[in-house]
Amino acid sequence: MFVQYALAQAVDAGTLTTGRLVGTVAALVALAGVVAGALAVARHRRRGATAALATGVAGMAAGGIVVALAEGGPGTGYGIVGGFAALAIGLVAAALGGLGLARTRARV
């Protein structure tokens, strides 16, 4: 008699699941925030710094939701790798946005 365990089954690497899609989009949003933050810090742009802060926080929020709802580890199709990437990249974007805002306040 076989005992069935409630383990997450791995899906193929090329399969685009909803979790993978949301994790990837969250990471791309956070990456856009890093680009906006780097440009804002280099050019002293307040609007770019605000955009970087907002997109960084949005990427971290979406990545956190993906990680919190994932029922399996990497390779199971829940998007946990993209979620963790969005958390890390979003943190960098938010830090760059905060640095950009601090520099524009000091400059004015």
PDB file of N, CA and C in Angstrom:
ATOM      1  N   MET A   1       0.839  -1.173   0.000  1.00  0.00           N
ATOM      2  CA  MET A   1       0.000   0.000   0.000  1.00  0.00           C
ATOM      3  C   MET A   1       0.891   1.246   0.000  1.00  0.00           C
ATOM      4  N   PHE A   2       0.567   2.176  -0.885  1.00  0.00           N
ATOM      5  CA  PHE A   2       1.351   3.395  -1.005  1.00  0.00           C
ATOM      6  C   PHE A   2       0.780   4.478  -0.102  1.00  0.00           C
ATOM      7  N   VAL A   3       1.690   5.192   0.521  1.00  0.00           N
ATOM      8  CA  VAL A   3       1.289   6.335   1.338  1.00  0.00           C
ATOM      9  C   VAL A   3       1.541   7.582   0.503  1.00  0.00           C
ATOM     10  N   GLN A   4       0.518   8.380   0.321  1.00  0.00           N
ATOM     11  CA  GLN A   4       0.665   9.590  -0.468  1.00  0.00           C
ATOM     12  C   GLN A   4       0.972  10.752   0.454  1.00  0.00           C
ATOM     13  N   TYR A   5       1.992  11.475   0.096  1.00  0.00           N
ATOM     14  CA  TYR A   5       2.388  12.653   0.854  1.00  0.00           C
ATOM     15  C   TYR A   5       1.905  13.893   0.119  1.00  0.00           C
ATOM     16  N   ALA A   6       1.656  14.946   0.853  1.00  0.00           N
ATOM     17  CA  ALA A   6       1.216  16.212   0.256  1.00  0.00           C
ATOM     18  C   ALA A   6       2.433  17.057  -0.092  1.00  0.00           C
ATOM     19  N   LEU A   7       3.233  16.552  -0.987  1.00  0.00           N
ATOM     20  CA  LEU A   7       4.416  17.281  -1.437  1.00  0.00           C
ATOM     21  C   LEU A   7       4.112  17.993  -2.739  1.00  0.00           C
ATOM     22  N   ALA A   8       4.727  19.141  -2.902  1.00  0.00           N
ATOM     23  CA  ALA A   8       4.545  19.897  -4.141  1.00  0.00           C
ATOM     24  C   ALA A   8       5.274  19.188  -5.271  1.00  0.00           C
ATOM     25  N   GLN A   9       4.607  19.037  -6.372  1.00  0.00           N
ATOM     26  CA  GLN A   9       5.207  18.387  -7.525  1.00  0.00           C
ATOM     27  C   GLN A   9       5.881  19.420  -8.404  1.00  0.00           C
ATOM     28  N   ALA A  10       7.066  19.090  -8.872  1.00  0.00           N
ATOM     29  CA  ALA A  10       7.806  20.002  -9.747  1.00  0.00           C
ATOM     30  C   ALA A  10       7.158  20.031 -11.126  1.00  0.00           C
ATOM     31  N   VAL A  11       7.172  21.202 -11.735  1.00  0.00           N
ATOM     32  CA  VAL A  11       6.687  21.339 -13.104  1.00  0.00           C
ATOM     33  C   VAL A  11       7.881  21.545 -14.011  1.00  0.00           C
ATOM     34  N   ASP A  12       7.651  21.442 -15.300  1.00  0.00           N
ATOM     35  CA  ASP A  12       8.735  21.626 -16.253  1.00  0.00           C
ATOM     36  C   ASP A  12       9.301  23.040 -16.167  1.00  0.00           C
ATOM     37  N   ALA A  13      10.557  23.149 -16.531  1.00  0.00           N
ATOM     38  CA  ALA A  13      11.233  24.451 -16.438  1.00  0.00           C
ATOM     39  C   ALA A  13      10.650  25.464 -17.404  1.00  0.00           C
ATOM     40  N   GLY A  14      10.116  25.038 -18.520  1.00  0.00           N
ATOM     41  CA  GLY A  14       9.585  25.957 -19.511  1.00  0.00           C
ATOM     42  C   GLY A  14       8.127  26.329 -19.298  1.00  0.00           C
ATOM     43  N   THR A  15       7.489  25.746 -18.301  1.00  0.00           N
ATOM     44  CA  THR A  15       6.082  26.017 -18.060  1.00  0.00           C
ATOM     45  C   THR A  15       5.925  27.349 -17.339  1.00  0.00           C
ATOM     46  N   LEU A  16       5.131  28.229 -17.914  1.00  0.00           N
ATOM     47  CA  LEU A  16       4.880  29.534 -17.308  1.00  0.00           C
ATOM     48  C   LEU A  16       3.608  29.441 -16.474  1.00  0.00           C
ATOM     49  N   THR A  17       3.786  29.348 -15.163  1.00  0.00           N
ATOM     50  CA  THR A  17       2.649  29.295 -14.263  1.00  0.00           C
ATOM     51  C   THR A  17       2.305  30.700 -13.802  1.00  0.00           C
ATOM     52  N   THR A  18       1.183  30.832 -13.142  1.00  0.00           N
ATOM     53  CA  THR A  18       0.761  32.142 -12.649  1.00  0.00           C
ATOM     54  C   THR A  18       1.748  32.684 -11.627  1.00  0.00           C
ATOM     55  N   GLY A  19       2.221  31.827 -10.750  1.00  0.00           N
ATOM     56  CA  GLY A  19       3.194  32.259  -9.744  1.00  0.00           C
ATOM     57  C   GLY A  19       4.489  32.745 -10.373  1.00  0.00           C
ATOM     58  N   ARG A  20       4.961  32.027 -11.366  1.00  0.00           N
ATOM     59  CA  ARG A  20       6.184  32.450 -12.052  1.00  0.00           C
ATOM     60  C   ARG A  20       5.988  33.771 -12.777  1.00  0.00           C
ATOM     61  N   LEU A  21       4.824  33.950 -13.387  1.00  0.00           N
ATOM     62  CA  LEU A  21       4.540  35.191 -14.098  1.00  0.00           C
ATOM     63  C   LEU A  21       4.495  36.374 -13.137  1.00  0.00           C
ATOM     64  N   VAL A  22       3.794  36.219 -12.026  1.00  0.00           N
ATOM     65  CA  VAL A  22       3.695  37.308 -11.054  1.00  0.00           C
ATOM     66  C   VAL A  22       5.057  37.600 -10.434  1.00  0.00           C
ATOM     67  N   GLY A  23       5.825  36.583 -10.112  1.00  0.00           N
ATOM     68  CA  GLY A  23       7.161  36.786  -9.563  1.00  0.00           C
ATOM     69  C   GLY A  23       8.084  37.489 -10.537  1.00  0.00           C
ATOM     70  N   THR A  24       8.000  37.122 -11.802  1.00  0.00           N
ATOM     71  CA  THR A  24       8.831  37.756 -12.814  1.00  0.00           C
ATOM     72  C   THR A  24       8.436  39.212 -13.037  1.00  0.00           C
ATOM     73  N   VAL A  25       7.146  39.486 -13.095  1.00  0.00           N
ATOM     74  CA  VAL A  25       6.682  40.856 -13.266  1.00  0.00           C
ATOM     75  C   VAL A  25       7.085  41.709 -12.066  1.00  0.00           C
ATOM     76  N   ALA A  26       6.977  41.154 -10.864  1.00  0.00           N
ATOM     77  CA  ALA A  26       7.387  41.896  -9.661  1.00  0.00           C
ATOM     78  C   ALA A  26       8.874  42.215  -9.705  1.00  0.00           C
ATOM     79  N   ALA A  27       9.686  41.270 -10.149  1.00  0.00           N
ATOM     80  CA  ALA A  27      11.124  41.515 -10.249  1.00  0.00           C
ATOM     81  C   ALA A  27      11.433  42.557 -11.321  1.00  0.00           C
ATOM     82  N   LEU A  28      10.705  42.545 -12.422  1.00  0.00           N
ATOM     83  CA  LEU A  28      10.918  43.544 -13.475  1.00  0.00           C
ATOM     84  C   LEU A  28      10.486  44.939 -13.035  1.00  0.00           C
ATOM     85  N   VAL A  29       9.409  45.028 -12.269  1.00  0.00           N
ATOM     86  CA  VAL A  29       8.984  46.322 -11.724  1.00  0.00           C
ATOM     87  C   VAL A  29      10.058  46.862 -10.784  1.00  0.00           C
ATOM     88  N   ALA A  30      10.573  45.989  -9.935  1.00  0.00           N
ATOM     89  CA  ALA A  30      11.634  46.414  -9.022  1.00  0.00           C
ATOM     90  C   ALA A  30      12.891  46.817  -9.783  1.00  0.00           C
ATOM     91  N   LEU A  31      13.195  46.109 -10.865  1.00  0.00           N
ATOM     92  CA  LEU A  31      14.355  46.455 -11.677  1.00  0.00           C
ATOM     93  C   LEU A  31      14.179  47.816 -12.346  1.00  0.00           C
ATOM     94  N   ALA A  32      12.977  48.128 -12.782  1.00  0.00           N
ATOM     95  CA  ALA A  32      12.709  49.457 -13.329  1.00  0.00           C
ATOM     96  C   ALA A  32      12.926  50.524 -12.258  1.00  0.00           C
ATOM     97  N   GLY A  33      12.605  50.196 -11.014  1.00  0.00           N
ATOM     98  CA  GLY A  33      12.858  51.115  -9.918  1.00  0.00           C
ATOM     99  C   GLY A  33      14.339  51.340  -9.677  1.00  0.00           C
ATOM    100  N   VAL A  34      15.138  50.307  -9.846  1.00  0.00           N
ATOM    101  CA  VAL A  34      16.589  50.457  -9.690  1.00  0.00           C
ATOM    102  C   VAL A  34      17.137  51.388 -10.770  1.00  0.00           C
ATOM    103  N   VAL A  35      16.668  51.213 -11.992  1.00  0.00           N
ATOM    104  CA  VAL A  35      17.125  52.084 -13.085  1.00  0.00           C
ATOM    105  C   VAL A  35      16.711  53.524 -12.812  1.00  0.00           C
ATOM    106  N   ALA A  36      15.454  53.723 -12.415  1.00  0.00           N
ATOM    107  CA  ALA A  36      14.980  55.079 -12.125  1.00  0.00           C
ATOM    108  C   ALA A  36      15.732  55.680 -10.941  1.00  0.00           C
ATOM    109  N   GLY A  37      16.022  54.872  -9.946  1.00  0.00           N
ATOM    110  CA  GLY A  37      16.761  55.362  -8.777  1.00  0.00           C
ATOM    111  C   GLY A  37      18.190  55.729  -9.109  1.00  0.00           C
ATOM    112  N   ALA A  38      18.833  54.931  -9.929  1.00  0.00           N
ATOM    113  CA  ALA A  38      20.210  55.239 -10.311  1.00  0.00           C
ATOM    114  C   ALA A  38      20.271  56.530 -11.128  1.00  0.00           C
ATOM    115  N   LEU A  39      19.318  56.708 -12.026  1.00  0.00           N
ATOM    116  CA  LEU A  39      19.277  57.942 -12.803  1.00  0.00           C
ATOM    117  C   LEU A  39      18.943  59.146 -11.918  1.00  0.00           C
ATOM    118  N   ALA A  40      18.067  58.944 -10.952  1.00  0.00           N
ATOM    119  CA  ALA A  40      17.691  60.040 -10.060  1.00  0.00           C
ATOM    120  C   ALA A  40      18.855  60.465  -9.181  1.00  0.00           C
ATOM    121  N   VAL A  41      19.624  59.502  -8.705  1.00  0.00           N
ATOM    122  CA  VAL A  41      20.785  59.837  -7.873  1.00  0.00           C
ATOM    123  C   VAL A  41      21.853  60.535  -8.710  1.00  0.00           C
ATOM    124  N   ALA A  42      22.045  60.075  -9.936  1.00  0.00           N
ATOM    125  CA  ALA A  42      23.079  60.662 -10.781  1.00  0.00           C
ATOM    126  C   ALA A  42      22.709  62.066 -11.260  1.00  0.00           C
ATOM    127  N   ARG A  43      21.420  62.298 -11.503  1.00  0.00           N
ATOM    128  CA  ARG A  43      21.003  63.574 -12.086  1.00  0.00           C
ATOM    129  C   ARG A  43      20.269  64.484 -11.112  1.00  0.00           C
ATOM    130  N   HIS A  44      20.127  64.076  -9.855  1.00  0.00           N
ATOM    131  CA  HIS A  44      19.433  64.863  -8.828  1.00  0.00           C
ATOM    132  C   HIS A  44      18.000  65.192  -9.243  1.00  0.00           C
ATOM    133  N   ARG A  45      17.255  64.173  -9.615  1.00  0.00           N
ATOM    134  CA  ARG A  45      15.867  64.343 -10.049  1.00  0.00           C
ATOM    135  C   ARG A  45      14.930  63.852  -8.951  1.00  0.00           C
ATOM    136  N   ARG A  46      14.099  64.729  -8.438  1.00  0.00           N
ATOM    137  CA  ARG A  46      13.174  64.363  -7.373  1.00  0.00           C
ATOM    138  C   ARG A  46      12.079  63.419  -7.870  1.00  0.00           C
ATOM    139  N   ARG A  47      11.561  63.679  -9.063  1.00  0.00           N
ATOM    140  CA  ARG A  47      10.496  62.830  -9.604  1.00  0.00           C
ATOM    141  C   ARG A  47      10.993  61.407  -9.846  1.00  0.00           C
ATOM    142  N   GLY A  48      12.195  61.257 -10.339  1.00  0.00           N
ATOM    143  CA  GLY A  48      12.761  59.930 -10.545  1.00  0.00           C
ATOM    144  C   GLY A  48      13.009  59.195  -9.235  1.00  0.00           C
ATOM    145  N   ALA A  49      13.411  59.942  -8.214  1.00  0.00           N
ATOM    146  CA  ALA A  49      13.624  59.328  -6.904  1.00  0.00           C
ATOM    147  C   ALA A  49      12.308  58.845  -6.311  1.00  0.00           C
ATOM    148  N   THR A  50      11.261  59.633  -6.490  1.00  0.00           N
ATOM    149  CA  THR A  50       9.942  59.227  -6.000  1.00  0.00           C
ATOM    150  C   THR A  50       9.452  57.995  -6.757  1.00  0.00           C
ATOM    151  N   ALA A  51       9.667  57.972  -8.058  1.00  0.00           N
ATOM    152  CA  ALA A  51       9.270  56.816  -8.864  1.00  0.00           C
ATOM    153  C   ALA A  51      10.048  55.569  -8.444  1.00  0.00           C
ATOM    154  N   ALA A  52      11.331  55.730  -8.166  1.00  0.00           N
ATOM    155  CA  ALA A  52      12.143  54.591  -7.733  1.00  0.00           C
ATOM    156  C   ALA A  52      11.662  54.049  -6.397  1.00  0.00           C
ATOM    157  N   LEU A  53      11.341  54.949  -5.490  1.00  0.00           N
ATOM    158  CA  LEU A  53      10.847  54.523  -4.181  1.00  0.00           C
ATOM    159  C   LEU A  53       9.513  53.793  -4.319  1.00  0.00           C
ATOM    160  N   ALA A  54       8.626  54.327  -5.136  1.00  0.00           N
ATOM    161  CA  ALA A  54       7.310  53.713  -5.314  1.00  0.00           C
ATOM    162  C   ALA A  54       7.397  52.355  -6.004  1.00  0.00           C
ATOM    163  N   THR A  55       8.177  52.261  -7.069  1.00  0.00           N
ATOM    164  CA  THR A  55       8.278  50.982  -7.768  1.00  0.00           C
ATOM    165  C   THR A  55       9.050  49.951  -6.952  1.00  0.00           C
ATOM    166  N   GLY A  56      10.009  50.408  -6.163  1.00  0.00           N
ATOM    167  CA  GLY A  56      10.718  49.479  -5.286  1.00  0.00           C
ATOM    168  C   GLY A  56       9.807  48.884  -4.234  1.00  0.00           C
ATOM    169  N   VAL A  57       8.985  49.722  -3.627  1.00  0.00           N
ATOM    170  CA  VAL A  57       8.045  49.227  -2.619  1.00  0.00           C
ATOM    171  C   VAL A  57       6.988  48.335  -3.262  1.00  0.00           C
ATOM    172  N   ALA A  58       6.514  48.701  -4.453  1.00  0.00           N
ATOM    173  CA  ALA A  58       5.529  47.871  -5.157  1.00  0.00           C
ATOM    174  C   ALA A  58       6.119  46.509  -5.526  1.00  0.00           C
ATOM    175  N   GLY A  59       7.357  46.501  -5.990  1.00  0.00           N
ATOM    176  CA  GLY A  59       8.011  45.231  -6.307  1.00  0.00           C
ATOM    177  C   GLY A  59       8.220  44.365  -5.081  1.00  0.00           C
ATOM    178  N   MET A  60       8.597  45.000  -3.967  1.00  0.00           N
ATOM    179  CA  MET A  60       8.762  44.236  -2.728  1.00  0.00           C
ATOM    180  C   MET A  60       7.430  43.690  -2.229  1.00  0.00           C
ATOM    181  N   ALA A  61       6.368  44.474  -2.353  1.00  0.00           N
ATOM    182  CA  ALA A  61       5.058  44.012  -1.903  1.00  0.00           C
ATOM    183  C   ALA A  61       4.574  42.820  -2.728  1.00  0.00           C
ATOM    184  N   ALA A  62       4.699  42.927  -4.042  1.00  0.00           N
ATOM    185  CA  ALA A  62       4.274  41.820  -4.899  1.00  0.00           C
ATOM    186  C   ALA A  62       5.150  40.583  -4.687  1.00  0.00           C
ATOM    187  N   GLY A  63       6.446  40.791  -4.535  1.00  0.00           N
ATOM    188  CA  GLY A  63       7.342  39.665  -4.263  1.00  0.00           C
ATOM    189  C   GLY A  63       7.050  39.022  -2.920  1.00  0.00           C
ATOM    190  N   GLY A  64       6.729  39.831  -1.931  1.00  0.00           N
ATOM    191  CA  GLY A  64       6.381  39.290  -0.613  1.00  0.00           C
ATOM    192  C   GLY A  64       5.106  38.468  -0.647  1.00  0.00           C
ATOM    193  N   ILE A  65       4.143  38.916  -1.441  1.00  0.00           N
ATOM    194  CA  ILE A  65       2.900  38.149  -1.575  1.00  0.00           C
ATOM    195  C   ILE A  65       3.163  36.812  -2.254  1.00  0.00           C
ATOM    196  N   VAL A  66       3.993  36.831  -3.289  1.00  0.00           N
ATOM    197  CA  VAL A  66       4.325  35.583  -3.990  1.00  0.00           C
ATOM    198  C   VAL A  66       5.031  34.613  -3.047  1.00  0.00           C
ATOM    199  N   VAL A  67       5.975  35.121  -2.271  1.00  0.00           N
ATOM    200  CA  VAL A  67       6.713  34.259  -1.343  1.00  0.00           C
ATOM    201  C   VAL A  67       5.792  33.737  -0.246  1.00  0.00           C
ATOM    202  N   ALA A  68       4.906  34.587   0.245  1.00  0.00           N
ATOM    203  CA  ALA A  68       4.011  34.164   1.323  1.00  0.00           C
ATOM    204  C   ALA A  68       3.011  33.109   0.850  1.00  0.00           C
ATOM    205  N   LEU A  69       2.584  33.177  -0.387  1.00  0.00           N
ATOM    206  CA  LEU A  69       1.593  32.236  -0.891  1.00  0.00           C
ATOM    207  C   LEU A  69       2.197  30.975  -1.506  1.00  0.00           C
ATOM    208  N   ALA A  70       3.504  30.937  -1.670  1.00  0.00           N
ATOM    209  CA  ALA A  70       4.148  29.769  -2.279  1.00  0.00           C
ATOM    210  C   ALA A  70       4.047  28.568  -1.343  1.00  0.00           C
ATOM    211  N   GLU A  71       3.675  27.447  -1.917  1.00  0.00           N
ATOM    212  CA  GLU A  71       3.528  26.227  -1.132  1.00  0.00           C
ATOM    213  C   GLU A  71       4.687  25.256  -1.333  1.00  0.00           C
ATOM    214  N   GLY A  72       5.615  25.620  -2.181  1.00  0.00           N
ATOM    215  CA  GLY A  72       6.750  24.747  -2.436  1.00  0.00           C
ATOM    216  C   GLY A  72       8.002  25.561  -2.636  1.00  0.00           C
ATOM    217  N   GLY A  73       9.079  24.882  -2.835  1.00  0.00           N
ATOM    218  CA  GLY A  73      10.356  25.542  -3.014  1.00  0.00           C
ATOM    219  C   GLY A  73      10.640  25.853  -4.467  1.00  0.00           C
ATOM    220  N   PRO A  74      11.899  26.132  -4.772  1.00  0.00           N
ATOM    221  CA  PRO A  74      12.279  26.436  -6.150  1.00  0.00           C
ATOM    222  C   PRO A  74      11.999  25.247  -7.076  1.00  0.00           C
ATOM    223  N   GLY A  75      11.480  25.547  -8.247  1.00  0.00           N
ATOM    224  CA  GLY A  75      11.213  24.502  -9.221  1.00  0.00           C
ATOM    225  C   GLY A  75       9.820  23.920  -9.154  1.00  0.00           C
ATOM    226  N   THR A  76       8.989  24.387  -8.233  1.00  0.00           N
ATOM    227  CA  THR A  76       7.644  23.838  -8.118  1.00  0.00           C
ATOM    228  C   THR A  76       6.621  24.636  -8.898  1.00  0.00           C
ATOM    229  N   GLY A  77       7.006  25.783  -9.445  1.00  0.00           N
ATOM    230  CA  GLY A  77       6.089  26.561 -10.251  1.00  0.00           C
ATOM    231  C   GLY A  77       5.355  27.653  -9.500  1.00  0.00           C
ATOM    232  N   TYR A  78       5.677  27.853  -8.230  1.00  0.00           N
ATOM    233  CA  TYR A  78       4.993  28.872  -7.443  1.00  0.00           C
ATOM    234  C   TYR A  78       5.631  30.250  -7.564  1.00  0.00           C
ATOM    235  N   GLY A  79       6.756  30.379  -8.220  1.00  0.00           N
ATOM    236  CA  GLY A  79       7.388  31.665  -8.441  1.00  0.00           C
ATOM    237  C   GLY A  79       8.186  32.184  -7.268  1.00  0.00           C
ATOM    238  N   ILE A  80       8.627  31.304  -6.402  1.00  0.00           N
ATOM    239  CA  ILE A  80       9.321  31.738  -5.192  1.00  0.00           C
ATOM    240  C   ILE A  80      10.677  32.368  -5.502  1.00  0.00           C
ATOM    241  N   VAL A  81      11.329  31.915  -6.546  1.00  0.00           N
ATOM    242  CA  VAL A  81      12.622  32.500  -6.920  1.00  0.00           C
ATOM    243  C   VAL A  81      12.429  33.933  -7.405  1.00  0.00           C
ATOM    244  N   GLY A  82      11.439  34.157  -8.248  1.00  0.00           N
ATOM    245  CA  GLY A  82      11.131  35.512  -8.696  1.00  0.00           C
ATOM    246  C   GLY A  82      10.668  36.391  -7.561  1.00  0.00           C
ATOM    247  N   GLY A  83       9.943  35.820  -6.609  1.00  0.00           N
ATOM    248  CA  GLY A  83       9.497  36.583  -5.452  1.00  0.00           C
ATOM    249  C   GLY A  83      10.655  37.052  -4.595  1.00  0.00           C
ATOM    250  N   PHE A  84      11.605  36.166  -4.335  1.00  0.00           N
ATOM    251  CA  PHE A  84      12.780  36.565  -3.553  1.00  0.00           C
ATOM    252  C   PHE A  84      13.648  37.562  -4.323  1.00  0.00           C
ATOM    253  N   ALA A  85      13.741  37.383  -5.632  1.00  0.00           N
ATOM    254  CA  ALA A  85      14.489  38.348  -6.439  1.00  0.00           C
ATOM    255  C   ALA A  85      13.820  39.717  -6.384  1.00  0.00           C
ATOM    256  N   ALA A  86      12.486  39.746  -6.446  1.00  0.00           N
ATOM    257  CA  ALA A  86      11.762  41.015  -6.359  1.00  0.00           C
ATOM    258  C   ALA A  86      11.969  41.676  -5.006  1.00  0.00           C
ATOM    259  N   LEU A  87      12.031  40.881  -3.948  1.00  0.00           N
ATOM    260  CA  LEU A  87      12.292  41.450  -2.621  1.00  0.00           C
ATOM    261  C   LEU A  87      13.670  42.095  -2.557  1.00  0.00           C
ATOM    262  N   ALA A  88      14.667  41.412  -3.076  1.00  0.00           N
ATOM    263  CA  ALA A  88      16.036  41.938  -3.019  1.00  0.00           C
ATOM    264  C   ALA A  88      16.212  43.150  -3.930  1.00  0.00           C
ATOM    265  N   ILE A  89      15.727  43.053  -5.159  1.00  0.00           N
ATOM    266  CA  ILE A  89      15.879  44.158  -6.106  1.00  0.00           C
ATOM    267  C   ILE A  89      15.033  45.348  -5.675  1.00  0.00           C
ATOM    268  N   GLY A  90      13.848  45.083  -5.138  1.00  0.00           N
ATOM    269  CA  GLY A  90      12.996  46.161  -4.647  1.00  0.00           C
ATOM    270  C   GLY A  90      13.614  46.909  -3.487  1.00  0.00           C
ATOM    271  N   LEU A  91      14.332  46.194  -2.643  1.00  0.00           N
ATOM    272  CA  LEU A  91      15.028  46.846  -1.533  1.00  0.00           C
ATOM    273  C   LEU A  91      16.101  47.795  -2.046  1.00  0.00           C
ATOM    274  N   VAL A  92      16.823  47.379  -3.070  1.00  0.00           N
ATOM    275  CA  VAL A  92      17.838  48.249  -3.676  1.00  0.00           C
ATOM    276  C   VAL A  92      17.176  49.471  -4.305  1.00  0.00           C
ATOM    277  N   ALA A  93      16.052  49.265  -4.996  1.00  0.00           N
ATOM    278  CA  ALA A  93      15.344  50.382  -5.631  1.00  0.00           C
ATOM    279  C   ALA A  93      14.838  51.365  -4.588  1.00  0.00           C
ATOM    280  N   ALA A  94      14.281  50.866  -3.494  1.00  0.00           N
ATOM    281  CA  ALA A  94      13.779  51.751  -2.445  1.00  0.00           C
ATOM    282  C   ALA A  94      14.924  52.518  -1.788  1.00  0.00           C
ATOM    283  N   ALA A  95      16.053  51.865  -1.610  1.00  0.00           N
ATOM    284  CA  ALA A  95      17.209  52.547  -1.025  1.00  0.00           C
ATOM    285  C   ALA A  95      17.727  53.642  -1.955  1.00  0.00           C
ATOM    286  N   LEU A  96      17.789  53.342  -3.244  1.00  0.00           N
ATOM    287  CA  LEU A  96      18.218  54.368  -4.198  1.00  0.00           C
ATOM    288  C   LEU A  96      17.218  55.521  -4.255  1.00  0.00           C
ATOM    289  N   GLY A  97      15.927  55.203  -4.194  1.00  0.00           N
ATOM    290  CA  GLY A  97      14.913  56.246  -4.181  1.00  0.00           C
ATOM    291  C   GLY A  97      15.016  57.117  -2.940  1.00  0.00           C
ATOM    292  N   GLY A  98      15.242  56.505  -1.797  1.00  0.00           N
ATOM    293  CA  GLY A  98      15.424  57.278  -0.568  1.00  0.00           C
ATOM    294  C   GLY A  98      16.673  58.135  -0.614  1.00  0.00           C
ATOM    295  N   LEU A  99      17.747  57.586  -1.156  1.00  0.00           N
ATOM    296  CA  LEU A  99      18.978  58.359  -1.299  1.00  0.00           C
ATOM    297  C   LEU A  99      18.779  59.530  -2.251  1.00  0.00           C
ATOM    298  N   GLY A 100      18.063  59.291  -3.345  1.00  0.00           N
ATOM    299  CA  GLY A 100      17.773  60.365  -4.293  1.00  0.00           C
ATOM    300  C   GLY A 100      16.926  61.454  -3.670  1.00  0.00           C
ATOM    301  N   LEU A 101      15.941  61.078  -2.872  1.00  0.00           N
ATOM    302  CA  LEU A 101      15.105  62.081  -2.197  1.00  0.00           C
ATOM    303  C   LEU A 101      15.912  62.871  -1.177  1.00  0.00           C
ATOM    304  N   ALA A 102      16.787  62.202  -0.465  1.00  0.00           N
ATOM    305  CA  ALA A 102      17.617  62.887   0.520  1.00  0.00           C
ATOM    306  C   ALA A 102      18.567  63.883  -0.163  1.00  0.00           C
ATOM    307  N   ARG A 103      19.081  63.508  -1.303  1.00  0.00           N
ATOM    308  CA  ARG A 103      19.986  64.412  -2.027  1.00  0.00           C
ATOM    309  C   ARG A 103      19.266  65.609  -2.602  1.00  0.00           C
ATOM    310  N   THR A 104      18.023  65.421  -3.064  1.00  0.00           N
ATOM    311  CA  THR A 104      17.299  66.568  -3.614  1.00  0.00           C
ATOM    312  C   THR A 104      16.847  67.501  -2.507  1.00  0.00           C
ATOM    313  N   ARG A 105      16.553  66.986  -1.327  1.00  0.00           N
ATOM    314  CA  ARG A 105      16.199  67.853  -0.195  1.00  0.00           C
ATOM    315  C   ARG A 105      17.397  68.672   0.257  1.00  0.00           C
ATOM    316  N   ALA A 106      18.560  68.051   0.274  1.00  0.00           N
ATOM    317  CA  ALA A 106      19.769  68.751   0.713  1.00  0.00           C
ATOM    318  C   ALA A 106      20.181  69.807  -0.305  1.00  0.00           C
ATOM    319  N   ARG A 107      19.871  69.588  -1.547  1.00  0.00           N
ATOM    320  CA  ARG A 107      20.267  70.501  -2.617  1.00  0.00           C
ATOM    321  C   ARG A 107      19.401  71.751  -2.664  1.00  0.00           C
ATOM    322  N   VAL A 108      18.131  71.616  -2.315  1.00  0.00           N
ATOM    323  CA  VAL A 108      17.189  72.740  -2.427  1.00  0.00           C
ATOM    324  C   VAL A 108      17.414  73.763  -1.373  1.00  0.00           C
TER     325      VAL A 108
END
